[in-house]
Amino acid sequence: MHHIEQHGEPDNNREEVLKLEQAVQNGQLPEWDALVRLPESVLFRSPLLLRAGAVRLMLEGRLREARRWAQEAVKAFALMADHREMLSMIGLLSLIHVRIGDFSDNEAMLMHLDAEARRDPDRCGGYVWWALARGKCWTRTTAFLAPRLIDDDFARAADRFREDGDAVGFAYVLLDRWMYDPAGMKKGAWAGRIAELGRWAALRPECAAVHDALTSESGDGLPARYAYMLDSLRSDTDAGVGWPEGELRYDVEVQMFACRLNVARRLAEGERTDAAMALRQLELLHEEMSTPRTLAWVAEYKSKLGLAAVQASIPRTIEPADAPAEERANRMRIQLMSGIRIFLPDGTSLQPKWKRRKSRELFVYLLLQQDYRALRNQVLEHLFGEADSSRVANHLYVSLHELRSALAGIGFEDAIEVRSGLVGFREPVIDMVDVEQYVTQSRVGDQLWAADRDAAVVLYLDAVGKYGLLGANMPVSDWLERWRMQLLERQTVMLRRLAEYYIGLSEDSHAEQWLTAWIDLRPDQEEAYQAMIRFWKARGRHAEAVGWYKRLERVFREEFGVEPLEETKRLVWES
């Protein structure tokens, strides 16, 4: 039991706590009334009940209250040194922050969860993977989260809940995945998971309402948050569903469903101007929480309103529509991949004079951060190490001075500011950074891949052309290596998918082009050679398949000192 025993606690309270904790451990979610009947002094000493309360509040859409309970649950599990449960509660807390749209504190949580997921994935529970899946719906997380597929993170979350016997977690992560992208739920293992939920529903009432929602889109019996979203989907012309009230007003995703409903109603009433204004509100929310479902809505209603075709949500695009021409002319467009270069919007190349490498490194580091700003302590740690604090602070001061001077020399006075513990660029200085565009196109392509591969490929084709070694002329550092590895993984995923796409279309020349590009990028990945060998064998061209195997064999022996896998040998030689 996770209950922390306290002397002097009334026997009836202790018995009730033990009963409720047992229900939680059995995968059930206690009723809210049963939780709040307990004195707060008793309730807040039980990590299990804090977790149950936070989940209950989150499902109901009472997100600000849920945040408080989740924070207390994190502390309680930390006191007990239960690392796995503490990590799960950080995941739950992050999930709540994503829905509120409060990302100021969430970046550090998501980075921590992502690091744990890479270091020890088996130790991460369902809420960790769920938080990472939903965290990637926020455009500002793409720069620092590992480029796993969102669908894979959702799948891991569902499987972890199932393995742990957490019926509520299993049910609602399926429903949340459906809210994210209904088309994707018809593919892969999701249909099987829904069928399994149906079997659970016969024994667990808490699963029945969710199963009905997934199979018949019924909102009956669901908590308020999900009931509102389901009702809004069925009520385009029914005035019975209004704007969300109470705590639901603070839920970004609920607001998106409400905006879609408002657009549909204004169109049905012939109020095209009002519909366009409502659609603009939906677009702004979509920029905060981007999902295939909302992307499809924006495209659908732009088409109905006769507006320009929807473009993938890419922050700070090359020509920001809301910036006056004279303001755009005084912004920097920056290339960080395949060498560092700075341009004005008219194409004029700028050449700052870097006195020391640290000022240039600081320049690149800040451009890779959210809003081009970073915490001062974070900059000190990543760029200057853990030397004497006074010496490190002096190094930062000198580097900032030199960076300001270098930028002033190309016409950007006072481009850098230090304020409230943050170091970074002033807001109007940067027009575009190639890494930011690359990552966003890749991420939106990943979102579209399951539902609309043609649209995803358009984004991938544009993105892969931007790729190059990040900070090519910079000395190696830990933070730079992490970034390079993340971009390398993104490029690998896109090349593999482009090859898969053109193989499916039987466009052999394009398929070979992208398979070759994959191998050239990742000569260490035997999977890439296997894909090329399968490609040629499927076309009856055994000699080409053998040729690629020989190349694999030579590269692995000469560069890595290993032999290809037996399965690759069998792939080549067996018919």
Protein backbone atom coordinates (compact mmCIF):
# COMPACT_ATOMS: atom_id res chain seq x y z
CA MET A 1 0.00 0.00 0.00
CA HIS A 2 1.15 3.54 -0.69
CA HIS A 3 -0.83 5.00 2.19
CA ILE A 4 1.37 6.86 4.67
CA GLU A 5 0.28 5.83 8.15
CA GLN A 6 -0.38 8.61 10.65
CA HIS A 7 -0.98 8.15 14.38
CA GLY A 8 -4.17 9.58 15.78
CA GLU A 9 -6.14 9.08 12.57
CA PRO A 10 -9.74 8.00 13.30
CA ASP A 11 -10.33 4.31 12.63
CA ASN A 12 -13.27 4.96 10.30
CA ASN A 13 -11.13 7.27 8.13
CA ARG A 14 -8.31 4.75 8.04
CA GLU A 15 -10.65 1.99 6.93
CA GLU A 16 -12.20 4.17 4.25
CA VAL A 17 -8.77 5.18 2.94
CA LEU A 18 -7.63 1.55 2.77
CA LYS A 19 -10.82 0.57 0.93
CA LEU A 20 -10.43 3.38 -1.61
CA GLU A 21 -6.73 2.65 -2.09
CA GLN A 22 -7.54 -0.99 -2.78
CA ALA A 23 -10.04 0.08 -5.43
CA VAL A 24 -7.39 2.27 -7.08
CA GLN A 25 -4.91 -0.60 -7.08
CA ASN A 26 -7.57 -2.74 -8.77
CA GLY A 27 -7.72 -0.27 -11.64
CA GLN A 28 -10.91 1.50 -10.52
CA LEU A 29 -11.49 5.22 -10.07
CA PRO A 30 -13.28 6.16 -6.82
CA GLU A 31 -16.28 8.46 -7.06
CA TRP A 32 -15.51 12.09 -6.32
CA ASP A 33 -17.93 12.22 -3.40
CA ALA A 34 -16.11 9.32 -1.72
CA LEU A 35 -12.82 11.20 -1.98
CA VAL A 36 -13.98 14.57 -0.73
CA ARG A 37 -15.80 13.02 2.24
CA LEU A 38 -12.38 12.41 3.73
CA PRO A 39 -10.71 15.25 5.66
CA GLU A 40 -8.05 16.92 3.53
CA SER A 41 -5.43 16.21 6.20
CA VAL A 42 -6.14 12.49 5.70
CA LEU A 43 -6.65 12.54 1.94
CA PHE A 44 -3.41 14.39 1.15
CA ARG A 45 -1.34 11.78 2.97
CA SER A 46 -2.33 9.06 0.49
CA PRO A 47 -0.43 9.25 -2.83
CA LEU A 48 -2.82 6.77 -4.44
CA LEU A 49 -5.88 8.85 -3.61
CA LEU A 50 -4.14 12.04 -4.71
CA ARG A 51 -3.47 10.36 -8.04
CA ALA A 52 -7.07 9.17 -8.32
CA GLY A 53 -8.39 12.63 -7.50
CA ALA A 54 -6.11 14.29 -10.05
CA VAL A 55 -7.26 11.86 -12.76
CA ARG A 56 -10.92 12.34 -11.84
CA LEU A 57 -10.57 16.15 -11.95
CA MET A 58 -8.69 16.05 -15.26
CA LEU A 59 -11.37 13.91 -16.92
CA GLU A 60 -14.05 16.29 -15.72
CA GLY A 61 -12.11 19.22 -17.15
CA ARG A 62 -11.43 20.81 -13.75
CA LEU A 63 -7.84 21.33 -14.78
CA ARG A 64 -6.65 23.92 -12.31
CA GLU A 65 -7.82 21.80 -9.38
CA ALA A 66 -6.35 18.71 -11.05
CA ARG A 67 -2.99 20.45 -11.25
CA ARG A 68 -2.92 21.00 -7.50
CA TRP A 69 -3.74 17.36 -6.75
CA ALA A 70 -1.16 16.11 -9.26
CA GLN A 71 1.51 18.36 -7.75
CA GLU A 72 0.78 16.94 -4.31
CA ALA A 73 0.89 13.39 -5.71
CA VAL A 74 4.35 14.05 -7.20
CA LYS A 75 5.61 15.22 -3.80
CA ALA A 76 4.03 12.27 -1.98
CA PHE A 77 5.54 9.62 -4.25
CA ALA A 78 8.89 11.44 -4.12
CA LEU A 79 8.84 11.23 -0.31
CA MET A 80 8.32 7.48 -0.62
CA ALA A 81 11.19 7.22 -3.16
CA ASP A 82 8.78 5.53 -5.61
CA HIS A 83 10.48 6.76 -8.77
CA ARG A 84 8.16 5.05 -11.27
CA GLU A 85 4.99 6.46 -9.73
CA MET A 86 6.58 9.88 -9.24
CA LEU A 87 7.49 9.89 -12.93
CA SER A 88 3.92 8.89 -13.82
CA MET A 89 2.55 11.79 -11.80
CA ILE A 90 4.93 14.20 -13.51
CA GLY A 91 3.45 12.83 -16.75
CA LEU A 92 -0.08 13.43 -15.48
CA LEU A 93 0.88 16.95 -14.40
CA SER A 94 2.40 17.64 -17.82
CA LEU A 95 -0.75 16.35 -19.52
CA ILE A 96 -2.81 18.81 -17.45
CA HIS A 97 -0.48 21.69 -18.35
CA VAL A 98 -0.78 20.90 -22.07
CA ARG A 99 -4.56 21.10 -21.88
CA ILE A 100 -4.54 24.35 -19.95
CA GLY A 101 -2.08 25.78 -22.45
CA ASP A 102 0.32 26.66 -19.62
CA PHE A 103 3.64 25.78 -21.21
CA SER A 104 5.95 28.01 -19.17
CA ASP A 105 6.54 25.27 -16.59
CA ASN A 106 5.85 22.35 -18.91
CA GLU A 107 8.98 22.51 -21.05
CA ALA A 108 11.23 21.30 -18.23
CA MET A 109 8.79 18.50 -17.36
CA LEU A 110 8.56 17.29 -20.96
CA MET A 111 12.34 17.38 -21.36
CA HIS A 112 12.71 15.32 -18.19
CA LEU A 113 10.06 12.80 -19.30
CA ASP A 114 11.62 12.55 -22.75
CA ALA A 115 15.07 11.91 -21.28
CA GLU A 116 13.67 9.19 -19.00
CA ALA A 117 11.78 7.61 -21.92
CA ARG A 118 15.01 7.37 -23.91
CA ARG A 119 17.10 6.19 -20.97
CA ASP A 120 14.76 3.56 -19.54
CA PRO A 121 11.50 3.20 -21.51
CA ASP A 122 10.35 0.18 -19.50
CA ARG A 123 10.30 2.27 -16.34
CA CYS A 124 7.89 4.78 -17.84
CA GLY A 125 4.20 4.25 -17.13
CA GLY A 126 1.18 5.13 -19.22
CA TYR A 127 0.94 8.76 -18.14
CA VAL A 128 4.54 9.42 -19.21
CA TRP A 129 3.92 8.21 -22.77
CA TRP A 130 0.52 9.90 -22.89
CA ALA A 131 2.09 13.22 -21.84
CA LEU A 132 4.81 12.88 -24.48
CA ALA A 133 2.23 12.13 -27.18
CA ARG A 134 0.14 15.15 -26.28
CA GLY A 135 3.17 17.32 -25.62
CA LYS A 136 4.15 16.96 -29.26
CA CYS A 137 0.86 18.57 -30.29
CA TRP A 138 2.37 21.84 -29.09
CA THR A 139 4.47 23.43 -31.84
CA ARG A 140 7.06 24.74 -29.39
CA THR A 141 8.12 21.29 -28.16
CA THR A 142 9.40 19.99 -31.47
CA ALA A 143 12.88 21.38 -30.98
CA PHE A 144 13.67 19.37 -27.89
CA LEU A 145 11.55 16.20 -27.92
CA ALA A 146 12.89 13.04 -29.53
CA PRO A 147 11.39 12.47 -33.01
CA ARG A 148 9.32 9.41 -32.12
CA LEU A 149 5.96 9.15 -33.81
CA ILE A 150 3.06 10.54 -31.78
CA ASP A 151 1.07 7.40 -32.60
CA ASP A 152 3.86 5.24 -31.16
CA ASP A 153 3.78 7.19 -27.90
CA PHE A 154 -0.01 6.84 -27.70
CA ALA A 155 0.37 3.09 -28.33
CA ARG A 156 2.99 2.75 -25.59
CA ALA A 157 0.69 4.59 -23.19
CA ALA A 158 -2.24 2.28 -23.95
CA ASP A 159 -0.10 -0.84 -23.62
CA ARG A 160 1.40 0.30 -20.31
CA PHE A 161 -2.05 0.99 -18.84
CA ARG A 162 -3.22 -2.43 -19.99
CA GLU A 163 -0.17 -4.17 -18.50
CA ASP A 164 -0.70 -2.34 -15.19
CA GLY A 165 -4.41 -3.27 -15.11
CA ASP A 166 -5.36 0.42 -15.12
CA ALA A 167 -8.75 0.24 -16.82
CA VAL A 168 -9.44 3.96 -16.57
CA GLY A 169 -6.07 4.94 -18.03
CA PHE A 170 -6.45 2.38 -20.83
CA ALA A 171 -9.97 3.55 -21.70
CA TYR A 172 -9.27 7.27 -21.74
CA VAL A 173 -5.99 7.14 -23.59
CA LEU A 174 -7.91 5.35 -26.38
CA LEU A 175 -10.57 8.05 -26.31
CA ASP A 176 -7.92 10.76 -26.29
CA ARG A 177 -6.18 9.11 -29.26
CA TRP A 178 -9.52 9.18 -31.10
CA MET A 179 -9.96 12.87 -30.24
CA TYR A 180 -6.48 13.47 -31.64
CA ASP A 181 -7.10 11.71 -34.97
CA PRO A 182 -10.18 9.52 -35.64
CA ALA A 183 -8.86 8.27 -38.99
CA GLY A 184 -5.76 6.81 -37.37
CA MET A 185 -7.88 4.69 -35.01
CA LYS A 186 -8.98 2.55 -37.97
CA LYS A 187 -5.41 1.44 -38.64
CA GLY A 188 -2.83 -0.82 -37.09
CA ALA A 189 -3.48 -2.25 -33.64
CA TRP A 190 -6.00 0.39 -32.55
CA ALA A 191 -9.05 -1.60 -33.70
CA GLY A 192 -7.82 -4.52 -31.61
CA ARG A 193 -7.36 -2.29 -28.58
CA ILE A 194 -10.92 -0.98 -28.94
CA ALA A 195 -12.19 -4.56 -29.13
CA GLU A 196 -10.23 -5.37 -25.98
CA LEU A 197 -11.79 -2.34 -24.28
CA GLY A 198 -15.18 -3.82 -25.18
CA ARG A 199 -14.27 -7.00 -23.31
CA TRP A 200 -13.16 -4.93 -20.32
CA ALA A 201 -16.42 -2.96 -20.45
CA ALA A 202 -18.43 -6.09 -19.64
CA LEU A 203 -16.68 -6.30 -16.28
CA ARG A 204 -15.68 -2.69 -15.62
CA PRO A 205 -18.46 -0.09 -15.84
CA GLU A 206 -15.93 2.73 -16.08
CA CYS A 207 -14.90 1.36 -19.51
CA ALA A 208 -18.41 0.97 -20.92
CA ALA A 209 -19.11 4.66 -21.59
CA VAL A 210 -15.77 5.08 -23.34
CA HIS A 211 -16.35 2.01 -25.50
CA ASP A 212 -19.77 3.38 -26.52
CA ALA A 213 -18.13 6.70 -27.42
CA LEU A 214 -15.56 5.01 -29.63
CA THR A 215 -18.02 2.72 -31.38
CA SER A 216 -21.11 4.94 -31.66
CA GLU A 217 -19.82 8.46 -30.81
CA SER A 218 -22.16 8.66 -27.85
CA GLY A 219 -21.26 11.06 -25.06
CA ASP A 220 -23.64 9.46 -22.56
CA GLY A 221 -22.01 8.65 -19.24
CA LEU A 222 -18.72 10.36 -20.04
CA PRO A 223 -17.09 12.93 -17.73
CA ALA A 224 -17.89 16.56 -18.57
CA ARG A 225 -14.79 17.26 -20.65
CA TYR A 226 -15.26 14.43 -23.10
CA ALA A 227 -19.05 14.64 -23.05
CA TYR A 228 -18.85 18.25 -24.26
CA MET A 229 -16.50 17.38 -27.12
CA LEU A 230 -18.62 14.42 -28.25
CA ASP A 231 -21.81 16.48 -28.04
CA SER A 232 -20.25 19.29 -30.09
CA LEU A 233 -19.44 16.86 -32.91
CA ARG A 234 -23.10 15.78 -33.17
CA SER A 235 -24.68 19.21 -32.76
CA ASP A 236 -23.80 21.38 -35.74
CA THR A 237 -27.31 22.81 -35.93
CA ASP A 238 -28.60 21.92 -32.47
CA ALA A 239 -28.63 24.98 -30.25
CA GLY A 240 -28.54 22.76 -27.16
CA VAL A 241 -24.72 22.84 -27.05
CA GLY A 242 -23.36 26.29 -26.25
CA TRP A 243 -19.95 27.61 -25.37
CA PRO A 244 -18.09 25.62 -22.68
CA GLU A 245 -18.71 26.89 -19.20
CA GLY A 246 -16.89 26.84 -15.89
CA GLU A 247 -13.45 25.24 -15.86
CA LEU A 248 -13.90 23.94 -19.42
CA ARG A 249 -13.26 27.48 -20.62
CA TYR A 250 -9.58 27.01 -19.72
CA ASP A 251 -9.16 23.81 -21.75
CA VAL A 252 -7.49 24.57 -25.10
CA GLU A 253 -8.79 21.46 -26.86
CA VAL A 254 -12.36 21.94 -25.64
CA GLN A 255 -12.21 25.50 -26.96
CA MET A 256 -11.15 24.16 -30.36
CA PHE A 257 -14.17 21.86 -30.50
CA ALA A 258 -16.38 24.81 -29.53
CA CYS A 259 -14.85 26.98 -32.27
CA ARG A 260 -15.46 24.32 -34.90
CA LEU A 261 -19.08 24.12 -33.82
CA ASN A 262 -19.37 27.91 -34.05
CA VAL A 263 -17.92 27.93 -37.60
CA ALA A 264 -20.37 25.21 -38.69
CA ARG A 265 -23.36 27.08 -37.25
CA ARG A 266 -22.38 30.43 -38.78
CA LEU A 267 -22.03 28.76 -42.17
CA ALA A 268 -25.41 27.01 -41.80
CA GLU A 269 -26.96 30.42 -41.06
CA GLY A 270 -25.30 31.99 -44.11
CA GLU A 271 -23.18 34.31 -41.95
CA ARG A 272 -19.95 33.91 -43.92
CA THR A 273 -18.15 36.87 -42.35
CA ASP A 274 -18.86 35.62 -38.84
CA ALA A 275 -17.83 32.13 -39.95
CA ALA A 276 -14.50 33.44 -41.23
CA MET A 277 -13.88 35.25 -37.93
CA ALA A 278 -14.71 32.09 -35.99
CA LEU A 279 -12.39 30.10 -38.26
CA ARG A 280 -9.56 32.53 -37.54
CA GLN A 281 -10.03 31.86 -33.83
CA LEU A 282 -9.84 28.13 -34.53
CA GLU A 283 -6.62 28.65 -36.51
CA LEU A 284 -5.02 30.53 -33.63
CA LEU A 285 -5.90 27.73 -31.22
CA HIS A 286 -4.64 25.19 -33.76
CA GLU A 287 -1.25 26.92 -33.65
CA GLU A 288 -1.14 26.14 -29.92
CA MET A 289 -2.39 22.54 -30.13
CA SER A 290 -1.99 21.03 -33.56
CA THR A 291 -3.68 17.69 -34.31
CA PRO A 292 -4.68 15.91 -37.54
CA ARG A 293 -8.34 16.39 -36.55
CA THR A 294 -8.03 20.15 -36.17
CA LEU A 295 -5.85 20.44 -39.28
CA ALA A 296 -8.61 18.72 -41.26
CA TRP A 297 -11.22 21.09 -39.79
CA VAL A 298 -9.25 24.16 -40.79
CA ALA A 299 -8.77 22.80 -44.32
CA GLU A 300 -12.45 21.83 -44.63
CA TYR A 301 -13.83 25.20 -43.57
CA LYS A 302 -11.29 27.21 -45.54
CA SER A 303 -12.45 25.30 -48.58
CA LYS A 304 -16.12 25.95 -47.78
CA LEU A 305 -15.44 29.62 -47.27
CA GLY A 306 -13.42 29.83 -50.50
CA LEU A 307 -10.26 30.86 -48.66
CA ALA A 308 -6.74 29.88 -49.67
CA ALA A 309 -5.78 26.26 -49.14
CA VAL A 310 -4.66 25.56 -45.62
CA GLN A 311 -0.95 25.45 -45.00
CA ALA A 312 0.68 23.43 -42.23
CA SER A 313 1.04 25.42 -39.05
CA ILE A 314 4.60 26.78 -39.24
CA PRO A 315 5.49 29.52 -36.76
CA ARG A 316 7.47 32.53 -38.00
CA THR A 317 7.16 31.64 -41.68
CA ILE A 318 9.28 33.35 -44.30
CA GLU A 319 6.80 36.17 -44.84
CA PRO A 320 4.75 36.80 -41.67
CA ALA A 321 1.45 38.22 -42.89
CA ASP A 322 0.99 40.33 -39.79
CA ALA A 323 4.35 42.13 -40.04
CA PRO A 324 4.65 45.35 -42.08
CA ALA A 325 7.05 45.18 -45.04
CA GLU A 326 9.43 47.73 -43.57
CA GLU A 327 9.60 45.75 -40.31
CA ARG A 328 10.29 42.49 -42.14
CA ALA A 329 13.12 44.18 -44.03
CA ASN A 330 14.94 44.69 -40.74
CA ARG A 331 14.85 41.10 -39.57
CA MET A 332 17.40 38.33 -39.88
CA ARG A 333 16.90 35.09 -41.76
CA ILE A 334 19.33 32.57 -40.42
CA GLN A 335 20.75 29.34 -41.77
CA LEU A 336 22.28 27.08 -39.11
CA MET A 337 22.48 23.82 -41.08
CA SER A 338 25.34 23.26 -43.56
CA GLY A 339 27.17 26.30 -42.22
CA ILE A 340 26.08 29.45 -40.40
CA ARG A 341 24.81 32.24 -42.66
CA ILE A 342 22.73 35.36 -42.05
CA PHE A 343 20.58 37.16 -44.62
CA LEU A 344 18.14 40.03 -44.83
CA PRO A 345 14.74 39.26 -46.39
CA ASP A 346 15.90 40.79 -49.69
CA GLY A 347 18.71 38.21 -49.91
CA THR A 348 21.54 40.47 -48.76
CA SER A 349 24.21 38.38 -47.04
CA LEU A 350 25.53 39.64 -43.71
CA GLN A 351 28.94 38.75 -42.29
CA PRO A 352 29.33 39.41 -38.57
CA LYS A 353 32.85 39.49 -37.16
CA TRP A 354 33.14 36.85 -34.46
CA LYS A 355 35.98 37.67 -32.08
CA ARG A 356 35.74 34.40 -30.15
CA ARG A 357 34.04 31.08 -30.79
CA LYS A 358 31.94 31.35 -27.59
CA SER A 359 30.05 34.40 -28.86
CA ARG A 360 29.18 32.50 -32.06
CA GLU A 361 28.23 29.43 -30.03
CA LEU A 362 25.97 31.57 -27.84
CA PHE A 363 24.37 32.99 -31.01
CA VAL A 364 23.52 29.49 -32.31
CA TYR A 365 22.42 28.19 -28.90
CA LEU A 366 19.90 31.01 -28.37
CA LEU A 367 18.44 30.58 -31.87
CA LEU A 368 17.61 26.95 -31.04
CA GLN A 369 15.64 27.80 -27.90
CA GLN A 370 11.93 28.50 -27.55
CA ASP A 371 11.26 32.13 -28.53
CA TYR A 372 15.04 32.47 -29.00
CA ARG A 373 15.53 32.88 -25.25
CA ALA A 374 16.98 30.72 -22.49
CA LEU A 375 17.35 30.84 -18.73
CA ARG A 376 20.65 32.43 -17.71
CA ASN A 377 21.55 29.44 -15.53
CA GLN A 378 20.78 27.09 -18.43
CA VAL A 379 23.15 29.05 -20.69
CA LEU A 380 25.87 28.97 -18.04
CA GLU A 381 25.54 25.22 -17.57
CA HIS A 382 25.40 24.21 -21.24
CA LEU A 383 27.95 26.63 -22.71
CA PHE A 384 30.40 27.31 -19.91
CA GLY A 385 30.35 24.17 -17.77
CA GLU A 386 30.69 23.91 -14.03
CA ALA A 387 33.79 26.00 -13.36
CA ASP A 388 34.00 28.59 -10.57
CA SER A 389 30.70 30.50 -10.59
CA SER A 390 32.27 33.97 -10.71
CA ARG A 391 34.56 33.00 -13.61
CA VAL A 392 31.66 31.40 -15.51
CA ALA A 393 29.48 34.48 -15.04
CA ASN A 394 32.34 36.65 -16.33
CA HIS A 395 32.73 34.42 -19.42
CA LEU A 396 29.01 34.84 -20.15
CA TYR A 397 29.27 38.63 -19.72
CA VAL A 398 32.20 38.81 -22.15
CA SER A 399 30.44 36.55 -24.69
CA LEU A 400 27.24 38.61 -24.50
CA HIS A 401 29.22 41.80 -25.05
CA GLU A 402 30.98 40.32 -28.08
CA LEU A 403 27.73 38.93 -29.50
CA ARG A 404 26.06 42.34 -29.18
CA SER A 405 29.03 43.96 -30.91
CA ALA A 406 29.03 41.41 -33.73
CA LEU A 407 25.32 41.94 -34.40
CA ALA A 408 25.63 45.72 -34.09
CA GLY A 409 28.31 45.52 -36.77
CA ILE A 410 25.75 44.18 -39.27
CA GLY A 411 23.08 46.72 -38.34
CA PHE A 412 21.28 45.11 -35.39
CA GLU A 413 21.86 47.32 -32.36
CA ASP A 414 20.52 46.04 -29.03
CA ALA A 415 19.47 42.71 -30.56
CA ILE A 416 20.25 40.82 -27.34
CA GLU A 417 18.66 41.42 -23.96
CA VAL A 418 19.07 40.02 -20.46
CA ARG A 419 15.95 40.39 -18.34
CA SER A 420 14.29 38.51 -15.46
CA GLY A 421 16.86 35.71 -15.58
CA LEU A 422 16.40 35.22 -19.35
CA VAL A 423 19.02 35.74 -22.06
CA GLY A 424 17.89 36.07 -25.65
CA PHE A 425 16.95 38.01 -28.76
CA ARG A 426 14.51 40.89 -28.70
CA GLU A 427 11.21 39.89 -30.29
CA PRO A 428 11.32 41.76 -33.65
CA VAL A 429 14.88 40.76 -34.63
CA ILE A 430 14.45 37.24 -36.06
CA ASP A 431 12.42 36.56 -39.20
CA MET A 432 13.24 32.89 -39.82
CA VAL A 433 15.58 30.13 -38.66
CA ASP A 434 16.01 27.15 -40.97
CA VAL A 435 16.12 24.59 -38.13
CA GLU A 436 12.80 25.81 -36.78
CA GLN A 437 11.14 25.51 -40.17
CA TYR A 438 12.69 22.09 -40.76
CA VAL A 439 11.55 20.67 -37.43
CA THR A 440 8.03 22.05 -37.76
CA GLN A 441 7.54 20.72 -41.29
CA SER A 442 8.80 17.33 -40.15
CA ARG A 443 6.52 17.28 -37.11
CA VAL A 444 3.40 18.32 -39.03
CA GLY A 445 4.26 15.73 -41.69
CA ASP A 446 4.42 13.11 -38.94
CA GLN A 447 0.95 14.14 -37.77
CA LEU A 448 -0.45 13.87 -41.28
CA TRP A 449 1.27 10.60 -42.21
CA ALA A 450 -1.38 8.30 -40.75
CA ALA A 451 -4.35 10.13 -42.31
CA ASP A 452 -3.06 11.88 -45.45
CA ARG A 453 0.24 10.62 -46.83
CA ASP A 454 0.11 12.82 -49.92
CA ALA A 455 0.01 15.96 -47.75
CA ALA A 456 2.72 14.58 -45.46
CA VAL A 457 5.03 13.89 -48.41
CA VAL A 458 4.71 17.49 -49.64
CA LEU A 459 6.05 18.66 -46.28
CA TYR A 460 8.72 15.97 -46.11
CA LEU A 461 10.03 16.82 -49.58
CA ASP A 462 10.44 20.45 -48.58
CA ALA A 463 12.01 19.60 -45.23
CA VAL A 464 14.61 17.04 -46.36
CA GLY A 465 16.11 19.61 -48.72
CA LYS A 466 16.87 21.92 -45.81
CA TYR A 467 18.83 19.30 -43.88
CA GLY A 468 22.55 19.64 -43.25
CA LEU A 469 25.00 19.34 -40.38
CA LEU A 470 23.96 21.76 -37.66
CA GLY A 471 26.70 24.26 -36.80
CA ALA A 472 29.08 22.68 -39.30
CA ASN A 473 32.03 24.89 -38.37
CA MET A 474 31.53 24.77 -34.61
CA PRO A 475 33.53 22.71 -32.12
CA VAL A 476 31.75 19.68 -30.70
CA SER A 477 29.80 20.15 -27.46
CA ASP A 478 27.25 18.04 -25.59
CA TRP A 479 24.28 20.31 -26.30
CA LEU A 480 25.19 20.60 -30.00
CA GLU A 481 25.61 16.82 -30.33
CA ARG A 482 22.16 16.27 -28.80
CA TRP A 483 20.64 18.62 -31.36
CA ARG A 484 22.52 16.99 -34.23
CA MET A 485 21.32 13.54 -33.20
CA GLN A 486 17.70 14.71 -32.97
CA LEU A 487 17.85 16.26 -36.45
CA LEU A 488 19.58 13.15 -37.83
CA GLU A 489 16.78 10.96 -36.48
CA ARG A 490 14.15 13.25 -38.02
CA GLN A 491 15.87 13.14 -41.40
CA THR A 492 16.14 9.35 -41.19
CA VAL A 493 12.42 8.95 -40.52
CA MET A 494 11.50 11.22 -43.43
CA LEU A 495 13.82 9.48 -45.92
CA ARG A 496 12.49 6.08 -44.92
CA ARG A 497 8.90 7.24 -45.35
CA LEU A 498 9.58 8.90 -48.70
CA ALA A 499 11.03 5.60 -49.93
CA GLU A 500 8.03 3.71 -48.57
CA TYR A 501 5.63 6.18 -50.23
CA TYR A 502 7.17 5.88 -53.70
CA ILE A 503 7.52 2.10 -53.43
CA GLY A 504 3.77 2.03 -52.78
CA LEU A 505 3.20 4.08 -55.94
CA SER A 506 5.54 1.79 -57.96
CA GLU A 507 7.63 4.83 -58.92
CA ASP A 508 10.90 2.92 -58.89
CA SER A 509 13.28 5.73 -59.79
CA HIS A 510 12.04 7.91 -56.92
CA ALA A 511 11.96 4.95 -54.54
CA GLU A 512 15.58 4.08 -55.37
CA GLN A 513 16.56 7.73 -54.95
CA TRP A 514 15.21 7.91 -51.40
CA LEU A 515 16.49 4.47 -50.39
CA THR A 516 19.95 5.53 -51.57
CA ALA A 517 19.68 8.82 -49.68
CA TRP A 518 18.73 6.87 -46.54
CA ILE A 519 21.79 4.62 -46.86
CA ASP A 520 24.09 7.56 -47.62
CA LEU A 521 22.82 9.38 -44.52
CA ARG A 522 22.93 6.32 -42.25
CA PRO A 523 25.52 3.83 -43.51
CA ASP A 524 25.42 2.36 -39.99
CA GLN A 525 21.74 1.34 -40.27
CA GLU A 526 21.41 -2.21 -41.54
CA GLU A 527 17.65 -1.63 -41.80
CA ALA A 528 18.29 0.76 -44.71
CA TYR A 529 20.27 -1.84 -46.67
CA GLN A 530 17.59 -4.45 -45.95
CA ALA A 531 14.96 -2.13 -47.42
CA MET A 532 17.08 -1.66 -50.57
CA ILE A 533 17.67 -5.41 -50.90
CA ARG A 534 13.92 -6.11 -50.58
CA PHE A 535 13.22 -3.41 -53.16
CA TRP A 536 15.41 -5.07 -55.81
CA LYS A 537 14.40 -8.62 -54.98
CA ALA A 538 10.72 -7.68 -55.30
CA ARG A 539 11.55 -6.58 -58.85
CA GLY A 540 13.38 -9.80 -59.67
CA ARG A 541 16.76 -8.09 -59.92
CA HIS A 542 18.88 -10.36 -57.78
CA ALA A 543 22.23 -8.98 -58.99
CA GLU A 544 21.42 -5.49 -57.67
CA ALA A 545 20.30 -6.97 -54.34
CA VAL A 546 23.59 -8.88 -54.04
CA GLY A 547 25.54 -5.75 -54.98
CA TRP A 548 23.97 -3.79 -52.14
CA TYR A 549 24.65 -6.64 -49.73
CA LYS A 550 28.32 -6.62 -50.75
CA ARG A 551 28.45 -2.89 -50.11
CA LEU A 552 26.89 -3.41 -46.67
CA GLU A 553 29.39 -6.15 -45.90
CA ARG A 554 32.37 -3.98 -46.91
CA VAL A 555 31.20 -0.88 -45.01
CA PHE A 556 30.43 -2.80 -41.84
CA ARG A 557 33.78 -4.62 -41.86
CA GLU A 558 35.95 -1.61 -42.73
CA GLU A 559 34.21 1.11 -40.74
CA PHE A 560 32.53 -0.67 -37.85
CA GLY A 561 34.41 -3.95 -37.52
CA VAL A 562 31.25 -6.08 -37.53
CA GLU A 563 29.47 -8.52 -39.82
CA PRO A 564 25.93 -8.08 -41.19
CA LEU A 565 23.13 -9.88 -39.36
CA GLU A 566 22.22 -13.43 -40.33
CA GLU A 567 18.71 -12.27 -41.23
CA THR A 568 20.20 -9.91 -43.83
CA LYS A 569 22.22 -12.74 -45.35
CA ARG A 570 19.10 -14.90 -45.53
CA LEU A 571 17.20 -12.01 -47.10
CA VAL A 572 19.71 -11.91 -49.95
CA TRP A 573 20.31 -15.58 -50.59
CA GLU A 574 16.96 -17.20 -49.84
CA SER A 575 14.29 -17.12 -52.52
